[in-house]
PDB file of all heavy atoms in Angstrom:
ATOM      1  N   ALA A   1       2.205  61.115 -26.810  1.00  0.00           N
ATOM      2  CA  ALA A   1       2.482  59.698 -27.048  1.00  0.00           C
ATOM      3  C   ALA A   1       2.509  59.397 -28.541  1.00  0.00           C
ATOM      4  O   ALA A   1       1.732  59.937 -29.332  1.00  0.00           O
ATOM      5  CB  ALA A   1       1.417  58.840 -26.364  1.00  0.00           C
ATOM      6  N   LEU A   2       3.418  58.503 -28.929  1.00  0.00           N
ATOM      7  CA  LEU A   2       3.421  57.943 -30.274  1.00  0.00           C
ATOM      8  C   LEU A   2       2.360  56.852 -30.306  1.00  0.00           C
ATOM      9  O   LEU A   2       2.392  55.928 -29.483  1.00  0.00           O
ATOM     10  CB  LEU A   2       4.787  57.368 -30.616  1.00  0.00           C
ATOM     11  CG  LEU A   2       5.984  58.327 -30.511  1.00  0.00           C
ATOM     12  CD1 LEU A   2       7.275  57.606 -30.885  1.00  0.00           C
ATOM     13  CD2 LEU A   2       5.791  59.569 -31.363  1.00  0.00           C
ATOM     14  N   VAL A   3       1.417  56.947 -31.229  1.00  0.00           N
ATOM     15  CA  VAL A   3       0.285  56.023 -31.267  1.00  0.00           C
ATOM     16  C   VAL A   3       0.475  55.014 -32.398  1.00  0.00           C
ATOM     17  O   VAL A   3       0.815  55.379 -33.523  1.00  0.00           O
ATOM     18  CB  VAL A   3      -1.036  56.787 -31.459  1.00  0.00           C
ATOM     19  CG1 VAL A   3      -2.203  55.816 -31.604  1.00  0.00           C
ATOM     20  CG2 VAL A   3      -1.273  57.728 -30.271  1.00  0.00           C
ATOM     21  N   ARG A   4       0.244  53.751 -32.068  1.00  0.00           N
ATOM     22  CA  ARG A   4       0.283  52.664 -33.047  1.00  0.00           C
ATOM     23  C   ARG A   4      -1.004  51.864 -32.905  1.00  0.00           C
ATOM     24  O   ARG A   4      -1.474  51.634 -31.796  1.00  0.00           O
ATOM     25  CB  ARG A   4       1.504  51.777 -32.792  1.00  0.00           C
ATOM     26  CG  ARG A   4       1.686  50.643 -33.780  1.00  0.00           C
ATOM     27  CD  ARG A   4       2.969  49.866 -33.484  1.00  0.00           C
ATOM     28  NE  ARG A   4       2.900  49.126 -32.239  1.00  0.00           N
ATOM     29  CZ  ARG A   4       3.880  48.354 -31.763  1.00  0.00           C
ATOM     30  NH1 ARG A   4       5.021  48.267 -32.428  1.00  0.00           N
ATOM     31  NH2 ARG A   4       3.739  47.703 -30.626  1.00  0.00           N
ATOM     32  N   LEU A   5      -1.577  51.451 -34.022  1.00  0.00           N
ATOM     33  CA  LEU A   5      -2.800  50.660 -33.984  1.00  0.00           C
ATOM     34  C   LEU A   5      -2.474  49.188 -34.203  1.00  0.00           C
ATOM     35  O   LEU A   5      -1.804  48.848 -35.187  1.00  0.00           O
ATOM     36  CB  LEU A   5      -3.781  51.124 -35.062  1.00  0.00           C
ATOM     37  CG  LEU A   5      -4.194  52.593 -35.051  1.00  0.00           C
ATOM     38  CD1 LEU A   5      -5.253  52.831 -36.124  1.00  0.00           C
ATOM     39  CD2 LEU A   5      -4.706  53.020 -33.692  1.00  0.00           C
ATOM     40  N   PRO A   6      -2.935  48.296 -33.318  1.00  0.00           N
ATOM     41  CA  PRO A   6      -2.768  46.861 -33.576  1.00  0.00           C
ATOM     42  C   PRO A   6      -3.640  46.440 -34.744  1.00  0.00           C
ATOM     43  O   PRO A   6      -4.595  47.132 -35.122  1.00  0.00           O
ATOM     44  CB  PRO A   6      -3.216  46.210 -32.270  1.00  0.00           C
ATOM     45  CG  PRO A   6      -4.109  47.204 -31.630  1.00  0.00           C
ATOM     46  CD  PRO A   6      -3.619  48.567 -32.046  1.00  0.00           C
ATOM     47  N   ASP A   7      -3.315  45.303 -35.324  1.00  0.00           N
ATOM     48  CA  ASP A   7      -4.061  44.832 -36.490  1.00  0.00           C
ATOM     49  C   ASP A   7      -5.515  44.533 -36.168  1.00  0.00           C
ATOM     50  O   ASP A   7      -6.379  44.590 -37.037  1.00  0.00           O
ATOM     51  CB  ASP A   7      -3.401  43.580 -37.077  1.00  0.00           C
ATOM     52  CG  ASP A   7      -2.031  43.885 -37.646  1.00  0.00           C
ATOM     53  OD1 ASP A   7      -1.809  45.043 -38.045  1.00  0.00           O
ATOM     54  OD2 ASP A   7      -1.178  42.975 -37.676  1.00  0.00           O
ATOM     55  N   SER A   8      -5.791  44.178 -34.907  1.00  0.00           N
ATOM     56  CA  SER A   8      -7.158  43.833 -34.515  1.00  0.00           C
ATOM     57  C   SER A   8      -7.360  44.192 -33.056  1.00  0.00           C
ATOM     58  O   SER A   8      -6.427  44.116 -32.257  1.00  0.00           O
ATOM     59  CB  SER A   8      -7.405  42.335 -34.712  1.00  0.00           C
ATOM     60  OG  SER A   8      -8.598  41.931 -34.064  1.00  0.00           O
ATOM     61  N   PRO A   9      -8.572  44.606 -32.686  1.00  0.00           N
ATOM     62  CA  PRO A   9      -8.844  44.866 -31.268  1.00  0.00           C
ATOM     63  C   PRO A   9      -8.743  43.615 -30.406  1.00  0.00           C
ATOM     64  O   PRO A   9      -8.628  43.703 -29.188  1.00  0.00           O
ATOM     65  CB  PRO A   9     -10.279  45.409 -31.266  1.00  0.00           C
ATOM     66  CG  PRO A   9     -10.535  45.850 -32.663  1.00  0.00           C
ATOM     67  CD  PRO A   9      -9.714  44.945 -33.540  1.00  0.00           C
ATOM     68  N   ASN A  10      -8.801  42.444 -31.015  1.00  0.00           N
ATOM     69  CA  ASN A  10      -8.734  41.190 -30.267  1.00  0.00           C
ATOM     70  C   ASN A  10      -7.283  40.899 -29.899  1.00  0.00           C
ATOM     71  O   ASN A  10      -6.445  40.719 -30.784  1.00  0.00           O
ATOM     72  CB  ASN A  10      -9.290  40.052 -31.131  1.00  0.00           C
ATOM     73  CG  ASN A  10      -9.286  38.720 -30.401  1.00  0.00           C
ATOM     74  OD1 ASN A  10      -8.705  38.594 -29.337  1.00  0.00           O
ATOM     75  ND2 ASN A  10      -9.948  37.742 -30.988  1.00  0.00           N
ATOM     76  N   PRO A  11      -6.933  40.854 -28.621  1.00  0.00           N
ATOM     77  CA  PRO A  11      -5.532  40.641 -28.257  1.00  0.00           C
ATOM     78  C   PRO A  11      -4.963  39.334 -28.768  1.00  0.00           C
ATOM     79  O   PRO A  11      -3.769  39.224 -28.993  1.00  0.00           O
ATOM     80  CB  PRO A  11      -5.548  40.676 -26.716  1.00  0.00           C
ATOM     81  CG  PRO A  11      -6.966  40.412 -26.336  1.00  0.00           C
ATOM     82  CD  PRO A  11      -7.796  40.980 -27.439  1.00  0.00           C
ATOM     83  N   ASN A  12      -5.810  38.316 -28.983  1.00  0.00           N
ATOM     84  CA  ASN A  12      -5.296  37.065 -29.527  1.00  0.00           C
ATOM     85  C   ASN A  12      -4.726  37.254 -30.926  1.00  0.00           C
ATOM     86  O   ASN A  12      -3.887  36.484 -31.380  1.00  0.00           O
ATOM     87  CB  ASN A  12      -6.403  36.006 -29.586  1.00  0.00           C
ATOM     88  CG  ASN A  12      -6.684  35.407 -28.231  1.00  0.00           C
ATOM     89  OD1 ASN A  12      -5.771  35.195 -27.449  1.00  0.00           O
ATOM     90  ND2 ASN A  12      -7.946  35.152 -27.943  1.00  0.00           N
ATOM     91  N   SER A  13      -5.201  38.293 -31.606  1.00  0.00           N
ATOM     92  CA  SER A  13      -4.728  38.535 -32.953  1.00  0.00           C
ATOM     93  C   SER A  13      -3.471  39.388 -32.968  1.00  0.00           C
ATOM     94  O   SER A  13      -2.895  39.608 -34.024  1.00  0.00           O
ATOM     95  CB  SER A  13      -5.818  39.233 -33.774  1.00  0.00           C
ATOM     96  OG  SER A  13      -6.988  38.454 -33.817  1.00  0.00           O
ATOM     97  N   VAL A  14      -3.093  39.902 -31.806  1.00  0.00           N
ATOM     98  CA  VAL A  14      -1.903  40.736 -31.771  1.00  0.00           C
ATOM     99  C   VAL A  14      -0.667  39.854 -31.828  1.00  0.00           C
ATOM    100  O   VAL A  14       0.034  39.794 -32.820  1.00  0.00           O
ATOM    101  CB  VAL A  14      -1.872  41.610 -30.492  1.00  0.00           C
ATOM    102  CG1 VAL A  14      -0.648  42.490 -30.487  1.00  0.00           C
ATOM    103  CG2 VAL A  14      -3.134  42.451 -30.425  1.00  0.00           C
ATOM    104  N   LYS A  15      -0.417  39.143 -30.759  1.00  0.00           N
ATOM    105  CA  LYS A  15       0.709  38.226 -30.721  1.00  0.00           C
ATOM    106  C   LYS A  15       0.594  37.417 -29.442  1.00  0.00           C
ATOM    107  O   LYS A  15       1.041  37.855 -28.383  1.00  0.00           O
ATOM    108  CB  LYS A  15       2.043  38.980 -30.764  1.00  0.00           C
ATOM    109  CG  LYS A  15       3.234  38.066 -31.015  1.00  0.00           C
ATOM    110  CD  LYS A  15       4.496  38.889 -31.208  1.00  0.00           C
ATOM    111  CE  LYS A  15       5.681  38.001 -31.550  1.00  0.00           C
ATOM    112  NZ  LYS A  15       6.922  38.785 -31.690  1.00  0.00           N
ATOM    113  N   PRO A  16      -0.049  36.258 -29.488  1.00  0.00           N
ATOM    114  CA  PRO A  16      -0.197  35.474 -28.265  1.00  0.00           C
ATOM    115  C   PRO A  16       1.156  35.018 -27.746  1.00  0.00           C
ATOM    116  O   PRO A  16       2.166  35.072 -28.449  1.00  0.00           O
ATOM    117  CB  PRO A  16      -1.060  34.292 -28.713  1.00  0.00           C
ATOM    118  CG  PRO A  16      -0.838  34.193 -30.177  1.00  0.00           C
ATOM    119  CD  PRO A  16      -0.606  35.587 -30.668  1.00  0.00           C
ATOM    120  N   MET A  17       1.153  34.563 -26.502  1.00  0.00           N
ATOM    121  CA  MET A  17       2.394  34.068 -25.932  1.00  0.00           C
ATOM    122  C   MET A  17       2.902  32.881 -26.744  1.00  0.00           C
ATOM    123  O   MET A  17       2.133  32.088 -27.272  1.00  0.00           O
ATOM    124  CB  MET A  17       2.179  33.639 -24.477  1.00  0.00           C
ATOM    125  CG  MET A  17       1.937  34.778 -23.524  1.00  0.00           C
ATOM    126  SD  MET A  17       1.982  34.229 -21.812  1.00  0.00           S
ATOM    127  CE  MET A  17       0.588  33.136 -21.762  1.00  0.00           C
ATOM    128  N   SER A  18       4.217  32.775 -26.809  1.00  0.00           N
ATOM    129  CA  SER A  18       4.806  31.617 -27.462  1.00  0.00           C
ATOM    130  C   SER A  18       4.534  30.371 -26.625  1.00  0.00           C
ATOM    131  O   SER A  18       4.179  30.457 -25.441  1.00  0.00           O
ATOM    132  CB  SER A  18       6.315  31.817 -27.609  1.00  0.00           C
ATOM    133  OG  SER A  18       6.928  31.834 -26.330  1.00  0.00           O
ATOM    134  N   ASP A  19       4.725  29.202 -27.227  1.00  0.00           N
ATOM    135  CA  ASP A  19       4.520  27.955 -26.481  1.00  0.00           C
ATOM    136  C   ASP A  19       5.430  27.905 -25.267  1.00  0.00           C
ATOM    137  O   ASP A  19       5.030  27.455 -24.189  1.00  0.00           O
ATOM    138  CB  ASP A  19       4.782  26.760 -27.402  1.00  0.00           C
ATOM    139  CG  ASP A  19       3.715  26.622 -28.486  1.00  0.00           C
ATOM    140  OD1 ASP A  19       2.635  27.209 -28.308  1.00  0.00           O
ATOM    141  OD2 ASP A  19       3.981  25.941 -29.485  1.00  0.00           O
ATOM    142  N   ALA A  20       6.679  28.367 -25.448  1.00  0.00           N
ATOM    143  CA  ALA A  20       7.627  28.329 -24.331  1.00  0.00           C
ATOM    144  C   ALA A  20       7.169  29.240 -23.202  1.00  0.00           C
ATOM    145  O   ALA A  20       7.262  28.888 -22.020  1.00  0.00           O
ATOM    146  CB  ALA A  20       9.022  28.743 -24.814  1.00  0.00           C
ATOM    147  N   GLN A  21       6.652  30.421 -23.559  1.00  0.00           N
ATOM    148  CA  GLN A  21       6.182  31.334 -22.521  1.00  0.00           C
ATOM    149  C   GLN A  21       4.951  30.774 -21.811  1.00  0.00           C
ATOM    150  O   GLN A  21       4.843  30.855 -20.588  1.00  0.00           O
ATOM    151  CB  GLN A  21       5.850  32.693 -23.137  1.00  0.00           C
ATOM    152  CG  GLN A  21       7.083  33.507 -23.500  1.00  0.00           C
ATOM    153  CD  GLN A  21       6.705  34.773 -24.218  1.00  0.00           C
ATOM    154  OE1 GLN A  21       5.805  34.768 -25.053  1.00  0.00           O
ATOM    155  NE2 GLN A  21       7.385  35.864 -23.910  1.00  0.00           N
ATOM    156  N   SER A  22       4.036  30.198 -22.569  1.00  0.00           N
ATOM    157  CA  SER A  22       2.840  29.626 -21.960  1.00  0.00           C
ATOM    158  C   SER A  22       3.214  28.499 -21.006  1.00  0.00           C
ATOM    159  O   SER A  22       2.669  28.383 -19.905  1.00  0.00           O
ATOM    160  CB  SER A  22       1.891  29.109 -23.045  1.00  0.00           C
ATOM    161  OG  SER A  22       1.397  30.183 -23.813  1.00  0.00           O
ATOM    162  N   GLU A  23       4.153  27.673 -21.431  1.00  0.00           N
ATOM    163  CA  GLU A  23       4.590  26.564 -20.569  1.00  0.00           C
ATOM    164  C   GLU A  23       5.235  27.097 -19.302  1.00  0.00           C
ATOM    165  O   GLU A  23       4.992  26.609 -18.200  1.00  0.00           O
ATOM    166  CB  GLU A  23       5.576  25.688 -21.341  1.00  0.00           C
ATOM    167  CG  GLU A  23       6.055  24.479 -20.534  1.00  0.00           C
ATOM    168  CD  GLU A  23       7.004  23.597 -21.333  1.00  0.00           C
ATOM    169  OE1 GLU A  23       7.139  23.832 -22.556  1.00  0.00           O
ATOM    170  OE2 GLU A  23       7.605  22.704 -20.735  1.00  0.00           O
ATOM    171  N   PHE A  24       6.041  28.178 -19.448  1.00  0.00           N
ATOM    172  CA  PHE A  24       6.692  28.766 -18.286  1.00  0.00           C
ATOM    173  C   PHE A  24       5.659  29.341 -17.319  1.00  0.00           C
ATOM    174  O   PHE A  24       5.759  29.193 -16.109  1.00  0.00           O
ATOM    175  CB  PHE A  24       7.649  29.866 -18.747  1.00  0.00           C
ATOM    176  CG  PHE A  24       8.339  30.592 -17.623  1.00  0.00           C
ATOM    177  CD1 PHE A  24       9.472  30.071 -17.040  1.00  0.00           C
ATOM    178  CD2 PHE A  24       7.849  31.801 -17.147  1.00  0.00           C
ATOM    179  CE1 PHE A  24      10.108  30.740 -16.005  1.00  0.00           C
ATOM    180  CE2 PHE A  24       8.469  32.463 -16.119  1.00  0.00           C
ATOM    181  CZ  PHE A  24       9.614  31.927 -15.556  1.00  0.00           C
ATOM    182  N   PHE A  25       4.643  29.998 -17.870  1.00  0.00           N
ATOM    183  CA  PHE A  25       3.626  30.620 -17.026  1.00  0.00           C
ATOM    184  C   PHE A  25       2.829  29.579 -16.253  1.00  0.00           C
ATOM    185  O   PHE A  25       2.352  29.841 -15.162  1.00  0.00           O
ATOM    186  CB  PHE A  25       2.686  31.464 -17.895  1.00  0.00           C
ATOM    187  CG  PHE A  25       3.051  32.913 -17.900  1.00  0.00           C
ATOM    188  CD1 PHE A  25       4.315  33.309 -18.290  1.00  0.00           C
ATOM    189  CD2 PHE A  25       2.152  33.867 -17.507  1.00  0.00           C
ATOM    190  CE1 PHE A  25       4.661  34.644 -18.300  1.00  0.00           C
ATOM    191  CE2 PHE A  25       2.487  35.217 -17.513  1.00  0.00           C
ATOM    192  CZ  PHE A  25       3.743  35.603 -17.908  1.00  0.00           C
ATOM    193  N   ARG A  26       2.662  28.396 -16.833  1.00  0.00           N
ATOM    194  CA  ARG A  26       1.853  27.385 -16.165  1.00  0.00           C
ATOM    195  C   ARG A  26       2.661  26.570 -15.156  1.00  0.00           C
ATOM    196  O   ARG A  26       2.095  25.908 -14.306  1.00  0.00           O
ATOM    197  CB  ARG A  26       1.253  26.433 -17.210  1.00  0.00           C
ATOM    198  CG  ARG A  26       0.174  27.088 -18.063  1.00  0.00           C
ATOM    199  CD  ARG A  26      -0.611  26.015 -18.800  1.00  0.00           C
ATOM    200  NE  ARG A  26      -1.661  26.626 -19.619  1.00  0.00           N
ATOM    201  CZ  ARG A  26      -1.538  26.878 -20.913  1.00  0.00           C
ATOM    202  NH1 ARG A  26      -0.423  26.572 -21.526  1.00  0.00           N
ATOM    203  NH2 ARG A  26      -2.522  27.439 -21.587  1.00  0.00           N
ATOM    204  N   ALA A  27       3.986  26.619 -15.285  1.00  0.00           N
ATOM    205  CA  ALA A  27       4.816  25.779 -14.426  1.00  0.00           C
ATOM    206  C   ALA A  27       5.115  26.490 -13.119  1.00  0.00           C
ATOM    207  O   ALA A  27       5.413  27.679 -13.111  1.00  0.00           O
ATOM    208  CB  ALA A  27       6.126  25.459 -15.135  1.00  0.00           C
ATOM    209  N   PRO A  28       5.049  25.771 -11.975  1.00  0.00           N
ATOM    210  CA  PRO A  28       5.393  26.406 -10.703  1.00  0.00           C
ATOM    211  C   PRO A  28       6.880  26.700 -10.645  1.00  0.00           C
ATOM    212  O   PRO A  28       7.685  25.979 -11.218  1.00  0.00           O
ATOM    213  CB  PRO A  28       5.006  25.345  -9.663  1.00  0.00           C
ATOM    214  CG  PRO A  28       5.079  24.058 -10.403  1.00  0.00           C
ATOM    215  CD  PRO A  28       4.672  24.354 -11.812  1.00  0.00           C
ATOM    216  N   PRO A  29       7.299  27.811 -10.003  1.00  0.00           N
ATOM    217  CA  PRO A  29       8.711  28.090  -9.830  1.00  0.00           C
ATOM    218  C   PRO A  29       9.393  26.914  -9.139  1.00  0.00           C
ATOM    219  O   PRO A  29       8.912  26.408  -8.131  1.00  0.00           O
ATOM    220  CB  PRO A  29       8.729  29.353  -8.959  1.00  0.00           C
ATOM    221  CG  PRO A  29       7.376  29.972  -9.168  1.00  0.00           C
ATOM    222  CD  PRO A  29       6.444  28.820  -9.380  1.00  0.00           C
ATOM    223  N   SER A  30      10.503  26.499  -9.680  1.00  0.00           N
ATOM    224  CA  SER A  30      11.158  25.278  -9.220  1.00  0.00           C
ATOM    225  C   SER A  30      11.825  25.465  -7.871  1.00  0.00           C
ATOM    226  O   SER A  30      12.621  26.386  -7.684  1.00  0.00           O
ATOM    227  CB  SER A  30      12.213  24.857 -10.256  1.00  0.00           C
ATOM    228  OG  SER A  30      12.924  23.734  -9.808  1.00  0.00           O
ATOM    229  N   GLY A  31      11.480  24.596  -6.934  1.00  0.00           N
ATOM    230  CA  GLY A  31      12.185  24.509  -5.669  1.00  0.00           C
ATOM    231  C   GLY A  31      11.970  25.668  -4.721  1.00  0.00           C
ATOM    232  O   GLY A  31      12.724  25.844  -3.787  1.00  0.00           O
ATOM    233  N   VAL A  32      10.948  26.508  -4.965  1.00  0.00           N
ATOM    234  CA  VAL A  32      10.729  27.636  -4.067  1.00  0.00           C
ATOM    235  C   VAL A  32       9.269  27.701  -3.666  1.00  0.00           C
ATOM    236  O   VAL A  32       8.394  27.155  -4.333  1.00  0.00           O
ATOM    237  CB  VAL A  32      11.137  28.974  -4.742  1.00  0.00           C
ATOM    238  CG1 VAL A  32      12.601  28.982  -5.065  1.00  0.00           C
ATOM    239  CG2 VAL A  32      10.312  29.223  -5.996  1.00  0.00           C
ATOM    240  N   LEU A  33       9.020  28.374  -2.588  1.00  0.00           N
ATOM    241  CA  LEU A  33       7.646  28.577  -2.141  1.00  0.00           C
ATOM    242  C   LEU A  33       6.960  29.570  -3.061  1.00  0.00           C
ATOM    243  O   LEU A  33       7.482  30.631  -3.356  1.00  0.00           O
ATOM    244  CB  LEU A  33       7.650  29.136  -0.710  1.00  0.00           C
ATOM    245  CG  LEU A  33       6.285  29.494  -0.126  1.00  0.00           C
ATOM    246  CD1 LEU A  33       5.441  28.241   0.048  1.00  0.00           C
ATOM    247  CD2 LEU A  33       6.456  30.227   1.189  1.00  0.00           C
ATOM    248  N   ALA A  34       5.795  29.247  -3.555  1.00  0.00           N
ATOM    249  CA  ALA A  34       5.077  30.134  -4.464  1.00  0.00           C
ATOM    250  C   ALA A  34       4.104  31.004  -3.691  1.00  0.00           C
ATOM    251  O   ALA A  34       3.573  30.604  -2.659  1.00  0.00           O
ATOM    252  CB  ALA A  34       4.326  29.319  -5.506  1.00  0.00           C
ATOM    253  N   ARG A  35       3.838  32.197  -4.232  1.00  0.00           N
ATOM    254  CA  ARG A  35       2.979  33.161  -3.559  1.00  0.00           C
ATOM    255  C   ARG A  35       1.537  33.026  -4.010  1.00  0.00           C
ATOM    256  O   ARG A  35       0.934  33.971  -4.477  1.00  0.00           O
ATOM    257  CB  ARG A  35       3.482  34.566  -3.819  1.00  0.00           C
ATOM    258  CG  ARG A  35       4.829  34.811  -3.175  1.00  0.00           C
ATOM    259  CD  ARG A  35       5.077  36.278  -3.018  1.00  0.00           C
ATOM    260  NE  ARG A  35       6.250  36.462  -2.186  1.00  0.00           N
ATOM    261  CZ  ARG A  35       6.609  37.596  -1.632  1.00  0.00           C
ATOM    262  NH1 ARG A  35       5.872  38.655  -1.801  1.00  0.00           N
ATOM    263  NH2 ARG A  35       7.679  37.684  -0.892  1.00  0.00           N
ATOM    264  N   GLY A  36       0.962  31.885  -3.969  1.00  0.00           N
ATOM    265  CA  GLY A  36      -0.433  31.758  -4.352  1.00  0.00           C
ATOM    266  C   GLY A  36      -0.928  30.347  -4.150  1.00  0.00           C
ATOM    267  O   GLY A  36      -0.151  29.410  -4.058  1.00  0.00           O
TER     268      GLY A  36
END
């Protein structure tokens, strides 16, 4: 494996989700039955 070290062991310091991704993750799928 090619090994790369992140800047910090804390995943928040790596690259958190963008605002758009966070909003998408929190929103229920539109017009369909959700699995949870």
